C-alpha atoms as a PDB file:
ATOM      1  CA  MET A   1    -126.058 100.897 -57.151  1.00  0.00           C
ATOM      2  CA  ASN A   2    -125.130  97.237 -56.559  1.00  0.00           C
ATOM      3  CA  LEU A   3    -124.906  94.547 -59.221  1.00  0.00           C
ATOM      4  CA  LYS A   4    -128.310  93.021 -58.453  1.00  0.00           C
ATOM      5  CA  THR A   5    -130.055  96.405 -58.535  1.00  0.00           C
ATOM      6  CA  GLU A   6    -128.479  97.234 -61.900  1.00  0.00           C
ATOM      7  CA  ALA A   7    -129.734  93.981 -63.379  1.00  0.00           C
ATOM      8  CA  GLU A   8    -133.228  94.451 -61.945  1.00  0.00           C
ATOM      9  CA  LYS A   9    -133.402  98.005 -63.328  1.00  0.00           C
ATOM     10  CA  PHE A  10    -132.500  96.772 -66.794  1.00  0.00           C
ATOM     11  CA  MET A  11    -135.117  94.022 -66.686  1.00  0.00           C
ATOM     12  CA  MET A  12    -137.886  96.362 -65.535  1.00  0.00           C
ATOM     13  CA  ASN A  13    -137.130  99.292 -67.852  1.00  0.00           C
ATOM     14  CA  SER A  14    -136.256  97.566 -71.103  1.00  0.00           C
ATOM     15  CA  GLU A  15    -139.153  97.809 -73.539  1.00  0.00           C
ATOM     16  CA  THR A  16    -137.330  97.078 -76.786  1.00  0.00           C
ATOM     17  CA  LEU A  17    -135.816  93.729 -75.914  1.00  0.00           C
ATOM     18  CA  THR A  18    -138.839  91.487 -76.188  1.00  0.00           C
ATOM     19  CA  THR A  19    -139.185  87.914 -77.285  1.00  0.00           C
ATOM     20  CA  LYS A  20    -141.321  89.022 -80.214  1.00  0.00           C
ATOM     21  CA  LYS A  21    -138.712  91.408 -81.603  1.00  0.00           C
ATOM     22  CA  ALA A  22    -135.901  88.955 -81.052  1.00  0.00           C
ATOM     23  CA  LEU A  23    -137.957  86.354 -82.917  1.00  0.00           C
ATOM     24  CA  GLU A  24    -138.729  88.750 -85.772  1.00  0.00           C
ATOM     25  CA  LYS A  25    -135.061  89.527 -86.296  1.00  0.00           C
ATOM     26  CA  SER A  26    -133.665  86.070 -85.705  1.00  0.00           C
ATOM     27  CA  GLN A  27    -135.876  84.403 -88.324  1.00  0.00           C
ATOM     28  CA  LYS A  28    -134.670  86.637 -91.173  1.00  0.00           C
ATOM     29  CA  ARG A  29    -131.043  85.655 -91.374  1.00  0.00           C
ATOM     30  CA  ASP A  30    -130.716  83.792 -94.654  1.00  0.00           C
ATOM     31  CA  ASP A  31    -128.518  86.659 -95.817  1.00  0.00           C
ATOM     32  CA  LEU A  32    -125.934  85.480 -93.279  1.00  0.00           C
ATOM     33  CA  ILE A  33    -125.573  82.067 -94.897  1.00  0.00           C
ATOM     34  CA  ASN A  34    -123.720  81.328 -98.120  1.00  0.00           C
ATOM     35  CA  SER A  35    -125.872  78.746 -99.881  1.00  0.00           C
ATOM     36  CA  GLU A  36    -122.856  76.870-101.275  1.00  0.00           C
ATOM     37  CA  ILE A  37    -121.295  76.577 -97.826  1.00  0.00           C
ATOM     38  CA  LEU A  38    -124.576  75.369 -96.348  1.00  0.00           C
ATOM     39  CA  SER A  39    -124.909  72.799 -99.116  1.00  0.00           C
ATOM     40  CA  LYS A  40    -121.381  71.553 -98.408  1.00  0.00           C
ATOM     41  CA  ILE A  41    -122.107  71.264 -94.690  1.00  0.00           C
ATOM     42  CA  GLN A  42    -125.313  69.375 -95.381  1.00  0.00           C
ATOM     43  CA  SER A  43    -123.444  66.917 -97.577  1.00  0.00           C
ATOM     44  CA  ILE A  44    -120.658  66.159 -95.103  1.00  0.00           C
ATOM     45  CA  TYR A  45    -122.293  66.446 -91.674  1.00  0.00           C
ATOM     46  CA  SER A  46    -124.071  63.091 -91.858  1.00  0.00           C
ATOM     47  CA  LEU A  47    -121.341  61.150 -93.639  1.00  0.00           C
ATOM     48  CA  PRO A  48    -120.348  57.791 -92.156  1.00  0.00           C
ATOM     49  CA  VAL A  49    -118.046  58.638 -89.262  1.00  0.00           C
ATOM     50  CA  PRO A  50    -114.904  57.064 -90.821  1.00  0.00           C
ATOM     51  CA  ASP A  51    -115.355  59.141 -93.982  1.00  0.00           C
ATOM     52  CA  LEU A  52    -116.081  62.329 -92.052  1.00  0.00           C
ATOM     53  CA  ILE A  53    -113.074  61.879 -89.765  1.00  0.00           C
ATOM     54  CA  PHE A  54    -110.768  61.029 -92.677  1.00  0.00           C
ATOM     55  CA  GLN A  55    -111.701  64.245 -94.463  1.00  0.00           C
ATOM     56  CA  ALA A  56    -111.383  66.345 -91.322  1.00  0.00           C
ATOM     57  CA  GLN A  57    -108.032  64.862 -90.265  1.00  0.00           C
ATOM     58  CA  SER A  58    -106.611  65.241 -93.780  1.00  0.00           C
ATOM     59  CA  ILE A  59    -107.508  68.942 -93.835  1.00  0.00           C
ATOM     60  CA  HIS A  60    -106.341  69.389 -90.256  1.00  0.00           C
ATOM     61  CA  ARG A  61    -102.867  68.146 -91.175  1.00  0.00           C
ATOM     62  CA  GLU A  62    -102.619  70.636 -94.045  1.00  0.00           C
ATOM     63  CA  TYR A  63    -103.000  73.633 -91.731  1.00  0.00           C
ATOM     64  CA  HIS A  64    -102.033  72.549 -88.211  1.00  0.00           C
ATOM     65  CA  ASP A  65     -99.712  70.312 -86.241  1.00  0.00           C
ATOM     66  CA  PRO A  66    -102.054  67.368 -85.508  1.00  0.00           C
ATOM     67  CA  ASN A  67    -100.160  66.464 -82.339  1.00  0.00           C
ATOM     68  CA  ARG A  68    -100.304  69.819 -80.566  1.00  0.00           C
ATOM     69  CA  VAL A  69    -103.152  71.344 -78.579  1.00  0.00           C
ATOM     70  CA  GLN A  70    -103.343  74.890 -77.294  1.00  0.00           C
ATOM     71  CA  PHE A  71    -104.222  75.266 -73.612  1.00  0.00           C
ATOM     72  CA  CYS A  72    -106.387  78.300 -72.825  1.00  0.00           C
ATOM     73  CA  THR A  73    -107.486  79.587 -69.437  1.00  0.00           C
ATOM     74  CA  LEU A  74    -110.755  81.484 -68.939  1.00  0.00           C
ATOM     75  CA  SER A  75    -111.195  83.687 -65.869  1.00  0.00           C
ATOM     76  CA  SER A  76    -114.511  85.147 -64.729  1.00  0.00           C
ATOM     77  CA  ILE A  77    -113.361  88.660 -63.821  1.00  0.00           C
ATOM     78  CA  LYS A  78    -116.925  89.792 -63.077  1.00  0.00           C
ATOM     79  CA  THR A  79    -119.519  87.167 -62.160  1.00  0.00           C
ATOM     80  CA  GLY A  80    -123.311  87.044 -62.004  1.00  0.00           C
ATOM     81  CA  ALA A  81    -126.131  89.610 -61.794  1.00  0.00           C
ATOM     82  CA  CYS A  82    -126.459  89.597 -65.582  1.00  0.00           C
ATOM     83  CA  PRO A  83    -129.765  91.100 -66.810  1.00  0.00           C
ATOM     84  CA  GLU A  84    -130.061  88.749 -69.786  1.00  0.00           C
ATOM     85  CA  ASP A  85    -132.175  85.598 -69.997  1.00  0.00           C
ATOM     86  CA  CYS A  86    -129.858  83.133 -71.786  1.00  0.00           C
ATOM     87  CA  HIS A  87    -131.501  79.841 -70.804  1.00  0.00           C
ATOM     88  CA  TYR A  88    -128.197  78.008 -70.379  1.00  0.00           C
ATOM     89  CA  CYS A  89    -126.466  80.540 -68.148  1.00  0.00           C
ATOM     90  CA  PRO A  90    -126.343  80.428 -64.331  1.00  0.00           C
ATOM     91  CA  GLN A  91    -125.093  84.034 -64.246  1.00  0.00           C
ATOM     92  CA  SER A  92    -128.480  85.463 -65.176  1.00  0.00           C
ATOM     93  CA  ALA A  93    -130.112  87.479 -62.390  1.00  0.00           C
ATOM     94  CA  ARG A  94    -133.419  85.939 -63.474  1.00  0.00           C
ATOM     95  CA  TYR A  95    -132.500  82.454 -62.238  1.00  0.00           C
ATOM     96  CA  LYS A  96    -131.828  81.086 -58.775  1.00  0.00           C
ATOM     97  CA  THR A  97    -128.427  79.429 -58.940  1.00  0.00           C
ATOM     98  CA  ASP A  98    -125.686  79.012 -56.377  1.00  0.00           C
ATOM     99  CA  ILE A  99    -122.956  81.009 -58.113  1.00  0.00           C
ATOM    100  CA  GLU A 100    -120.949  83.545 -56.130  1.00  0.00           C
ATOM    101  CA  VAL A 101    -121.671  87.019 -57.472  1.00  0.00           C
ATOM    102  CA  HIS A 102    -118.791  89.481 -57.508  1.00  0.00           C
ATOM    103  CA  SER A 103    -117.852  92.758 -59.175  1.00  0.00           C
ATOM    104  CA  LEU A 104    -114.735  93.306 -61.286  1.00  0.00           C
ATOM    105  CA  LEU A 105    -111.679  91.593 -59.818  1.00  0.00           C
ATOM    106  CA  SER A 106    -108.630  93.647 -58.957  1.00  0.00           C
ATOM    107  CA  LYS A 107    -105.677  93.808 -61.338  1.00  0.00           C
ATOM    108  CA  GLU A 108    -103.484  92.048 -58.782  1.00  0.00           C
ATOM    109  CA  VAL A 109    -105.818  89.034 -58.584  1.00  0.00           C
ATOM    110  CA  VAL A 110    -106.199  88.735 -62.353  1.00  0.00           C
ATOM    111  CA  ILE A 111    -102.461  89.014 -63.022  1.00  0.00           C
ATOM    112  CA  GLU A 112    -101.750  86.254 -60.512  1.00  0.00           C
ATOM    113  CA  GLN A 113    -104.332  84.092 -62.286  1.00  0.00           C
ATOM    114  CA  ALA A 114    -102.681  84.796 -65.632  1.00  0.00           C
ATOM    115  CA  LYS A 115     -99.220  83.978 -64.310  1.00  0.00           C
ATOM    116  CA  GLU A 116    -100.458  80.709 -62.848  1.00  0.00           C
ATOM    117  CA  ALA A 117    -102.195  79.832 -66.121  1.00  0.00           C
ATOM    118  CA  LYS A 118     -98.978  80.426 -68.047  1.00  0.00           C
ATOM    119  CA  SER A 119     -96.978  78.310 -65.600  1.00  0.00           C
ATOM    120  CA  GLN A 120     -99.429  75.450 -66.203  1.00  0.00           C
ATOM    121  CA  GLY A 121     -99.038  75.552 -69.972  1.00  0.00           C
ATOM    122  CA  SER A 122    -101.684  78.015 -71.183  1.00  0.00           C
ATOM    123  CA  THR A 123    -100.688  80.373 -73.975  1.00  0.00           C
ATOM    124  CA  ARG A 124    -104.023  82.188 -74.083  1.00  0.00           C
ATOM    125  CA  PHE A 125    -105.708  83.932 -71.165  1.00  0.00           C
ATOM    126  CA  CYS A 126    -109.319  84.973 -71.614  1.00  0.00           C
ATOM    127  CA  MET A 127    -111.184  87.339 -69.311  1.00  0.00           C
ATOM    128  CA  GLY A 128    -114.976  87.101 -69.136  1.00  0.00           C
ATOM    129  CA  ALA A 129    -117.391  89.533 -67.514  1.00  0.00           C
ATOM    130  CA  SER A 130    -121.166  89.147 -67.156  1.00  0.00           C
ATOM    131  CA  TRP A 131    -122.152  92.404 -68.826  1.00  0.00           C
ATOM    132  CA  ARG A 132    -124.758  92.711 -71.557  1.00  0.00           C
ATOM    133  CA  ASP A 133    -122.841  95.669 -72.985  1.00  0.00           C
ATOM    134  CA  LEU A 134    -119.287  96.641 -72.128  1.00  0.00           C
ATOM    135  CA  PRO A 135    -119.734  99.692 -69.874  1.00  0.00           C
ATOM    136  CA  GLU A 136    -117.907 102.980 -70.262  1.00  0.00           C
ATOM    137  CA  GLY A 137    -116.041 104.792 -67.520  1.00  0.00           C
ATOM    138  CA  LYS A 138    -114.129 103.207 -64.673  1.00  0.00           C
ATOM    139  CA  ASP A 139    -114.891  99.588 -65.580  1.00  0.00           C
ATOM    140  CA  PHE A 140    -113.779 100.125 -69.183  1.00  0.00           C
ATOM    141  CA  ASP A 141    -110.554 101.771 -68.049  1.00  0.00           C
ATOM    142  CA  SER A 142    -109.915  98.839 -65.703  1.00  0.00           C
ATOM    143  CA  VAL A 143    -110.411  96.359 -68.555  1.00  0.00           C
ATOM    144  CA  VAL A 144    -107.927  98.265 -70.726  1.00  0.00           C
ATOM    145  CA  GLU A 145    -105.374  98.114 -67.915  1.00  0.00           C
ATOM    146  CA  LEU A 146    -105.969  94.376 -67.487  1.00  0.00           C
ATOM    147  CA  ILE A 147    -105.441  93.775 -71.205  1.00  0.00           C
ATOM    148  CA  GLN A 148    -102.162  95.668 -71.182  1.00  0.00           C
ATOM    149  CA  SER A 149    -100.940  93.853 -68.083  1.00  0.00           C
ATOM    150  CA  VAL A 150    -101.778  90.348 -69.345  1.00  0.00           C
ATOM    151  CA  LYS A 151    -100.276  91.136 -72.763  1.00  0.00           C
ATOM    152  CA  SER A 152     -96.985  91.989 -71.047  1.00  0.00           C
ATOM    153  CA  LEU A 153     -96.796  88.330 -69.928  1.00  0.00           C
ATOM    154  CA  ASP A 154     -96.497  87.218 -73.590  1.00  0.00           C
ATOM    155  CA  LEU A 155     -99.915  85.584 -73.537  1.00  0.00           C
ATOM    156  CA  GLU A 156    -102.635  85.838 -76.152  1.00  0.00           C
ATOM    157  CA  VAL A 157    -105.167  88.141 -74.506  1.00  0.00           C
ATOM    158  CA  CYS A 158    -108.814  87.339 -75.152  1.00  0.00           C
ATOM    159  CA  CYS A 159    -111.894  89.026 -73.689  1.00  0.00           C
ATOM    160  CA  THR A 160    -115.605  88.263 -73.651  1.00  0.00           C
ATOM    161  CA  LEU A 161    -117.371  91.266 -72.144  1.00  0.00           C
ATOM    162  CA  GLY A 162    -120.706  91.527 -73.914  1.00  0.00           C
ATOM    163  CA  MET A 163    -121.558  93.769 -76.843  1.00  0.00           C
ATOM    164  CA  VAL A 164    -119.078  96.442 -77.916  1.00  0.00           C
ATOM    165  CA  ASN A 165    -119.515  99.442 -80.207  1.00  0.00           C
ATOM    166  CA  LYS A 166    -117.049 100.603 -82.850  1.00  0.00           C
ATOM    167  CA  ASP A 167    -115.315 103.114 -80.610  1.00  0.00           C
ATOM    168  CA  GLN A 168    -114.869 100.578 -77.811  1.00  0.00           C
ATOM    169  CA  ALA A 169    -113.533  97.981 -80.225  1.00  0.00           C
ATOM    170  CA  GLN A 170    -110.930 100.444 -81.495  1.00  0.00           C
ATOM    171  CA  LYS A 171    -109.815 101.267 -77.956  1.00  0.00           C
ATOM    172  CA  LEU A 172    -109.539  97.570 -77.089  1.00  0.00           C
ATOM    173  CA  ALA A 173    -107.375  97.082 -80.173  1.00  0.00           C
ATOM    174  CA  GLU A 174    -105.146  99.974 -79.168  1.00  0.00           C
ATOM    175  CA  ALA A 175    -104.758  98.393 -75.719  1.00  0.00           C
ATOM    176  CA  GLY A 176    -103.330  95.290 -77.391  1.00  0.00           C
ATOM    177  CA  LEU A 177    -106.296  92.906 -77.299  1.00  0.00           C
ATOM    178  CA  HIS A 178    -105.493  89.837 -79.403  1.00  0.00           C
ATOM    179  CA  THR A 179    -108.958  88.230 -79.648  1.00  0.00           C
ATOM    180  CA  TYR A 180    -112.533  89.019 -78.694  1.00  0.00           C
ATOM    181  CA  ASN A 181    -115.038  86.259 -78.043  1.00  0.00           C
ATOM    182  CA  HIS A 182    -118.696  86.796 -78.867  1.00  0.00           C
ATOM    183  CA  ASN A 183    -120.607  83.597 -79.556  1.00  0.00           C
ATOM    184  CA  ILE A 184    -123.597  83.403 -81.874  1.00  0.00           C
ATOM    185  CA  ASP A 185    -124.734  80.450 -79.707  1.00  0.00           C
ATOM    186  CA  THR A 186    -126.888  78.544 -82.208  1.00  0.00           C
ATOM    187  CA  SER A 187    -128.740  78.837 -85.524  1.00  0.00           C
ATOM    188  CA  PRO A 188    -130.788  81.943 -86.327  1.00  0.00           C
ATOM    189  CA  GLU A 189    -133.941  79.820 -86.331  1.00  0.00           C
ATOM    190  CA  PHE A 190    -133.419  78.297 -82.875  1.00  0.00           C
ATOM    191  CA  TYR A 191    -131.964  81.403 -81.273  1.00  0.00           C
ATOM    192  CA  SER A 192    -135.242  82.849 -79.991  1.00  0.00           C
ATOM    193  CA  GLU A 193    -135.904  79.609 -78.081  1.00  0.00           C
ATOM    194  CA  ILE A 194    -132.850  80.345 -75.936  1.00  0.00           C
ATOM    195  CA  ILE A 195    -132.512  84.128 -75.666  1.00  0.00           C
ATOM    196  CA  SER A 196    -134.870  87.105 -75.917  1.00  0.00           C
ATOM    197  CA  THR A 197    -132.754  89.930 -74.469  1.00  0.00           C
ATOM    198  CA  ARG A 198    -130.223  90.215 -77.296  1.00  0.00           C
ATOM    199  CA  THR A 199    -130.885  89.757 -80.989  1.00  0.00           C
ATOM    200  CA  TYR A 200    -128.868  87.778 -83.499  1.00  0.00           C
ATOM    201  CA  ASP A 201    -128.236  91.059 -85.330  1.00  0.00           C
ATOM    202  CA  GLU A 202    -126.624  92.546 -82.248  1.00  0.00           C
ATOM    203  CA  ARG A 203    -124.263  89.604 -81.934  1.00  0.00           C
ATOM    204  CA  ILE A 204    -123.270  89.905 -85.592  1.00  0.00           C
ATOM    205  CA  GLU A 205    -122.782  93.657 -85.224  1.00  0.00           C
ATOM    206  CA  THR A 206    -120.360  93.191 -82.333  1.00  0.00           C
ATOM    207  CA  LEU A 207    -118.344  90.702 -84.376  1.00  0.00           C
ATOM    208  CA  GLN A 208    -118.231  93.185 -87.260  1.00  0.00           C
ATOM    209  CA  ASN A 209    -117.024  95.938 -84.930  1.00  0.00           C
ATOM    210  CA  ILE A 210    -114.303  93.654 -83.606  1.00  0.00           C
ATOM    211  CA  HIS A 211    -113.140  92.638 -87.085  1.00  0.00           C
ATOM    212  CA  GLN A 212    -113.087  96.231 -88.354  1.00  0.00           C
ATOM    213  CA  ALA A 213    -110.897  97.218 -85.403  1.00  0.00           C
ATOM    214  CA  GLY A 214    -108.339  94.579 -86.384  1.00  0.00           C
ATOM    215  CA  ILE A 215    -109.006  92.248 -83.448  1.00  0.00           C
ATOM    216  CA  LYS A 216    -109.230  88.523 -84.140  1.00  0.00           C
ATOM    217  CA  MET A 217    -112.728  87.078 -83.839  1.00  0.00           C
ATOM    218  CA  CYS A 218    -113.609  84.138 -81.614  1.00  0.00           C
ATOM    219  CA  SER A 219    -117.152  82.903 -82.099  1.00  0.00           C
ATOM    220  CA  GLY A 220    -118.900  79.587 -81.670  1.00  0.00           C
ATOM    221  CA  GLY A 221    -121.814  78.237 -79.731  1.00  0.00           C
ATOM    222  CA  ILE A 222    -123.420  75.534 -77.649  1.00  0.00           C
ATOM    223  CA  VAL A 223    -124.833  72.200 -78.721  1.00  0.00           C
ATOM    224  CA  GLY A 224    -127.237  70.069 -76.720  1.00  0.00           C
ATOM    225  CA  MET A 225    -129.780  72.795 -75.911  1.00  0.00           C
ATOM    226  CA  GLY A 226    -132.611  71.005 -77.705  1.00  0.00           C
ATOM    227  CA  GLU A 227    -131.727  72.180 -81.196  1.00  0.00           C
ATOM    228  CA  SER A 228    -132.080  69.948 -84.248  1.00  0.00           C
ATOM    229  CA  SER A 229    -129.346  68.564 -86.465  1.00  0.00           C
ATOM    230  CA  GLU A 230    -130.405  71.132 -89.067  1.00  0.00           C
ATOM    231  CA  ASP A 231    -129.919  73.910 -86.498  1.00  0.00           C
ATOM    232  CA  ARG A 232    -126.376  72.712 -85.839  1.00  0.00           C
ATOM    233  CA  GLN A 233    -125.589  72.728 -89.521  1.00  0.00           C
ATOM    234  CA  ARG A 234    -127.019  76.220 -90.030  1.00  0.00           C
ATOM    235  CA  PHE A 235    -125.114  77.468 -86.979  1.00  0.00           C
ATOM    236  CA  LEU A 236    -121.848  76.281 -88.550  1.00  0.00           C
ATOM    237  CA  ALA A 237    -122.915  77.747 -91.892  1.00  0.00           C
ATOM    238  CA  VAL A 238    -123.335  81.218 -90.369  1.00  0.00           C
ATOM    239  CA  LEU A 239    -119.795  81.075 -88.966  1.00  0.00           C
ATOM    240  CA  ALA A 240    -118.225  79.639 -92.113  1.00  0.00           C
ATOM    241  CA  SER A 241    -119.999  82.239 -94.278  1.00  0.00           C
ATOM    242  CA  MET A 242    -118.353  85.139 -92.446  1.00  0.00           C
ATOM    243  CA  ASN A 243    -115.607  86.889 -94.391  1.00  0.00           C
ATOM    244  CA  PRO A 244    -113.276  86.114 -92.827  1.00  0.00           C
ATOM    245  CA  TYR A 245    -114.564  83.259 -90.728  1.00  0.00           C
ATOM    246  CA  PRO A 246    -113.555  83.422 -87.032  1.00  0.00           C
ATOM    247  CA  ASP A 247    -109.950  82.786 -86.075  1.00  0.00           C
ATOM    248  CA  SER A 248    -111.241  80.686 -83.169  1.00  0.00           C
ATOM    249  CA  VAL A 249    -114.385  78.557 -83.020  1.00  0.00           C
ATOM    250  CA  PRO A 250    -115.303  77.257 -79.553  1.00  0.00           C
ATOM    251  CA  ILE A 251    -117.628  74.247 -79.585  1.00  0.00           C
ATOM    252  CA  ASN A 252    -119.394  73.964 -76.239  1.00  0.00           C
ATOM    253  CA  ALA A 253    -121.528  71.080 -75.012  1.00  0.00           C
ATOM    254  CA  LEU A 254    -124.305  72.253 -72.727  1.00  0.00           C
ATOM    255  CA  VAL A 255    -123.634  71.816 -69.023  1.00  0.00           C
ATOM    256  CA  PRO A 256    -127.131  71.759 -67.472  1.00  0.00           C
ATOM    257  CA  VAL A 257    -127.142  73.887 -64.317  1.00  0.00           C
ATOM    258  CA  GLU A 258    -129.767  73.601 -61.602  1.00  0.00           C
ATOM    259  CA  GLY A 259    -131.960  76.675 -61.518  1.00  0.00           C
ATOM    260  CA  THR A 260    -131.689  77.468 -65.221  1.00  0.00           C
ATOM    261  CA  PRO A 261    -134.433  76.689 -67.772  1.00  0.00           C
ATOM    262  CA  LEU A 262    -132.218  73.983 -69.325  1.00  0.00           C
ATOM    263  CA  GLU A 263    -131.432  72.226 -66.045  1.00  0.00           C
ATOM    264  CA  LYS A 264    -133.141  68.996 -67.137  1.00  0.00           C
ATOM    265  CA  GLN A 265    -131.666  68.889 -70.622  1.00  0.00           C
ATOM    266  CA  GLN A 266    -129.914  65.604 -71.420  1.00  0.00           C
ATOM    267  CA  ILE A 267    -126.163  65.583 -72.051  1.00  0.00           C
ATOM    268  CA  ILE A 268    -125.410  65.465 -75.755  1.00  0.00           C
ATOM    269  CA  ASP A 269    -124.112  62.266 -77.343  1.00  0.00           C
ATOM    270  CA  PRO A 270    -120.312  62.664 -77.703  1.00  0.00           C
ATOM    271  CA  LEU A 271    -120.495  61.492 -81.315  1.00  0.00           C
ATOM    272  CA  GLU A 272    -122.621  64.543 -82.138  1.00  0.00           C
ATOM    273  CA  LEU A 273    -119.840  66.687 -80.705  1.00  0.00           C
ATOM    274  CA  VAL A 274    -117.344  64.823 -82.900  1.00  0.00           C
ATOM    275  CA  ARG A 275    -119.494  65.546 -85.965  1.00  0.00           C
ATOM    276  CA  MET A 276    -119.599  69.248 -85.073  1.00  0.00           C
ATOM    277  CA  VAL A 277    -115.831  69.434 -84.621  1.00  0.00           C
ATOM    278  CA  ALA A 278    -115.093  67.540 -87.840  1.00  0.00           C
ATOM    279  CA  THR A 279    -117.508  69.611 -89.909  1.00  0.00           C
ATOM    280  CA  ALA A 280    -116.163  72.856 -88.449  1.00  0.00           C
ATOM    281  CA  ARG A 281    -112.630  71.765 -89.302  1.00  0.00           C
ATOM    282  CA  ILE A 282    -113.532  70.981 -92.922  1.00  0.00           C
ATOM    283  CA  VAL A 283    -115.339  74.271 -93.634  1.00  0.00           C
ATOM    284  CA  MET A 284    -113.049  76.500 -91.508  1.00  0.00           C
ATOM    285  CA  PRO A 285    -109.662  74.863 -92.059  1.00  0.00           C
ATOM    286  CA  LYS A 286    -107.439  77.632 -90.661  1.00  0.00           C
ATOM    287  CA  ALA A 287    -109.453  78.229 -87.478  1.00  0.00           C
ATOM    288  CA  MET A 288    -108.530  77.034 -84.019  1.00  0.00           C
ATOM    289  CA  ILE A 289    -111.354  74.647 -83.130  1.00  0.00           C
ATOM    290  CA  ARG A 290    -111.698  74.805 -79.358  1.00  0.00           C
ATOM    291  CA  LEU A 291    -113.234  72.104 -77.198  1.00  0.00           C
ATOM    292  CA  SER A 292    -114.757  74.252 -74.510  1.00  0.00           C
ATOM    293  CA  ALA A 293    -117.542  73.665 -71.960  1.00  0.00           C
ATOM    294  CA  GLY A 294    -118.767  70.136 -71.353  1.00  0.00           C
ATOM    295  CA  ARG A 295    -115.436  68.324 -71.486  1.00  0.00           C
ATOM    296  CA  ARG A 296    -115.844  67.124 -67.911  1.00  0.00           C
ATOM    297  CA  SER A 297    -118.537  64.699 -69.061  1.00  0.00           C
ATOM    298  CA  LEU A 298    -116.377  63.351 -71.901  1.00  0.00           C
ATOM    299  CA  SER A 299    -114.236  60.251 -71.561  1.00  0.00           C
ATOM    300  CA  ASP A 300    -110.586  60.355 -72.593  1.00  0.00           C
ATOM    301  CA  GLU A 301    -111.579  58.361 -75.662  1.00  0.00           C
ATOM    302  CA  ALA A 302    -114.258  60.888 -76.648  1.00  0.00           C
ATOM    303  CA  GLN A 303    -111.825  63.771 -76.282  1.00  0.00           C
ATOM    304  CA  ALA A 304    -109.218  61.911 -78.305  1.00  0.00           C
ATOM    305  CA  PHE A 305    -111.824  61.364 -81.024  1.00  0.00           C
ATOM    306  CA  CYS A 306    -112.449  65.134 -81.068  1.00  0.00           C
ATOM    307  CA  PHE A 307    -108.725  65.810 -81.496  1.00  0.00           C
ATOM    308  CA  VAL A 308    -108.606  63.379 -84.406  1.00  0.00           C
ATOM    309  CA  ALA A 309    -111.632  65.178 -85.848  1.00  0.00           C
ATOM    310  CA  GLY A 310    -109.713  68.457 -85.824  1.00  0.00           C
ATOM    311  CA  ALA A 311    -110.014  70.080 -82.399  1.00  0.00           C
ATOM    312  CA  ASN A 312    -106.694  71.698 -81.495  1.00  0.00           C
ATOM    313  CA  SER A 313    -107.429  73.719 -78.397  1.00  0.00           C
ATOM    314  CA  ILE A 314    -109.062  73.228 -75.018  1.00  0.00           C
ATOM    315  CA  HIS A 315    -110.104  75.471 -72.171  1.00  0.00           C
ATOM    316  CA  THR A 316    -108.377  74.113 -69.130  1.00  0.00           C
ATOM    317  CA  GLY A 317    -108.660  74.754 -65.393  1.00  0.00           C
ATOM    318  CA  GLU A 318    -111.135  73.857 -62.669  1.00  0.00           C
ATOM    319  CA  LYS A 319    -113.902  76.100 -64.039  1.00  0.00           C
ATOM    320  CA  LEU A 320    -115.096  77.690 -67.258  1.00  0.00           C
ATOM    321  CA  LEU A 321    -116.459  80.946 -65.868  1.00  0.00           C
ATOM    322  CA  THR A 322    -118.829  79.291 -63.361  1.00  0.00           C
ATOM    323  CA  THR A 323    -119.301  75.731 -64.644  1.00  0.00           C
ATOM    324  CA  PRO A 324    -117.061  72.815 -63.554  1.00  0.00           C
ATOM    325  CA  ASN A 325    -114.323  71.846 -65.966  1.00  0.00           C
ATOM    326  CA  ALA A 326    -111.654  69.162 -66.278  1.00  0.00           C
ATOM    327  CA  GLY A 327    -108.755  70.172 -64.031  1.00  0.00           C
ATOM    328  CA  ILE A 328    -105.266  71.007 -65.263  1.00  0.00           C
ATOM    329  CA  ASN A 329    -103.798  67.771 -63.911  1.00  0.00           C
ATOM    330  CA  ARG A 330    -106.283  65.662 -65.844  1.00  0.00           C
ATOM    331  CA  ASP A 331    -105.533  67.616 -69.004  1.00  0.00           C
ATOM    332  CA  HIS A 332    -101.785  67.068 -68.722  1.00  0.00           C
ATOM    333  CA  GLU A 333    -102.401  63.394 -68.011  1.00  0.00           C
ATOM    334  CA  LEU A 334    -104.561  63.168 -71.117  1.00  0.00           C
ATOM    335  CA  MET A 335    -101.874  64.781 -73.283  1.00  0.00           C
ATOM    336  CA  ASN A 336     -99.311  62.319 -71.941  1.00  0.00           C
ATOM    337  CA  LYS A 337    -101.616  59.363 -72.517  1.00  0.00           C
ATOM    338  CA  LEU A 338    -102.228  60.403 -76.117  1.00  0.00           C
ATOM    339  CA  GLY A 339     -98.589  61.235 -76.798  1.00  0.00           C
ATOM    340  CA  MET A 340     -99.620  64.788 -77.688  1.00  0.00           C
ATOM    341  CA  GLN A 341     -98.063  68.080 -76.655  1.00  0.00           C
ATOM    342  CA  THR A 342     -99.269  71.544 -75.774  1.00  0.00           C
ATOM    343  CA  LEU A 343     -98.685  74.567 -77.986  1.00  0.00           C
ATOM    344  CA  GLU A 344     -95.590  76.110 -76.429  1.00  0.00           C
ATOM    345  CA  LYS A 345     -95.793  79.678 -77.699  1.00  0.00           C
ATOM    346  CA  ALA A 346     -98.629  82.158 -78.004  1.00  0.00           C
ATOM    347  CA  ARG A 347     -99.646  83.094 -81.556  1.00  0.00           C
ATOM    348  CA  LEU A 348     -98.759  86.763 -81.093  1.00  0.00           C
END
């Protein structure tokens, strides 16, 4: 069965993953938010920018080197034919986009990518696959082998492979996986406007499985999808209320892709991105705050502002999975212009 057929079968046969059920579950998530944390976020998010940045930079300096940024590389090891309906994603089989669909890449190809990433300054290599759930069998065994091989290069190994159960999480930990990425995407209240094929509960459950297995959590979301300022604050509150909060928090700005439901969405104001980064830094002081998708539309000045606000990691390379990204040369030029340096060693 080919990738497209698998996705079509899922879409036709699934009776439990409906918009109504996703809505019912996603609206009942107050238990995920610590009221004190939410109150703190509400009080700082809309501060005058100088005050907000001062607080964020002060906290940033307590926990991190303010002049170093970690470079991370994200490889799409399996692309497209995804059965889900995430409105922002060109990899969904439901939308007509021009991405190149391919099955799981060979170990040789992925290892060459990882070696190149390391030679260009990355200390973290993340592998992403467009599965709703991490499959068992041959594909799972291949992923385990990839993790072990990339780990041998002294890189932080990160994966984002869809939902994982407890047993899978334990096996990934035993393989040496450093971090697992599973974004919550947005606030519980806005979630059903963007996705109906996976509930908020399922995302939280995967993060719990990852944490219980001893793997570091990476979880963030996307801004600029039409959500309100309140949604952004509640999204951060969910993350900051986790115990522990994620080790890594990627902040993505929507990249509208032709053929997806959000193709006409306007690019978010960079200052809103700065507010998100600064607030995340204040309420999750030890986390790596990662500037992820959307950097290509940011000026050098806007990116610098984000670093001052507390961002200390970027995803570099020509693409982030399938969306265009600032190239490695531009990123090194930016570091030189700002007098900043890359993180030289992986946090193993």
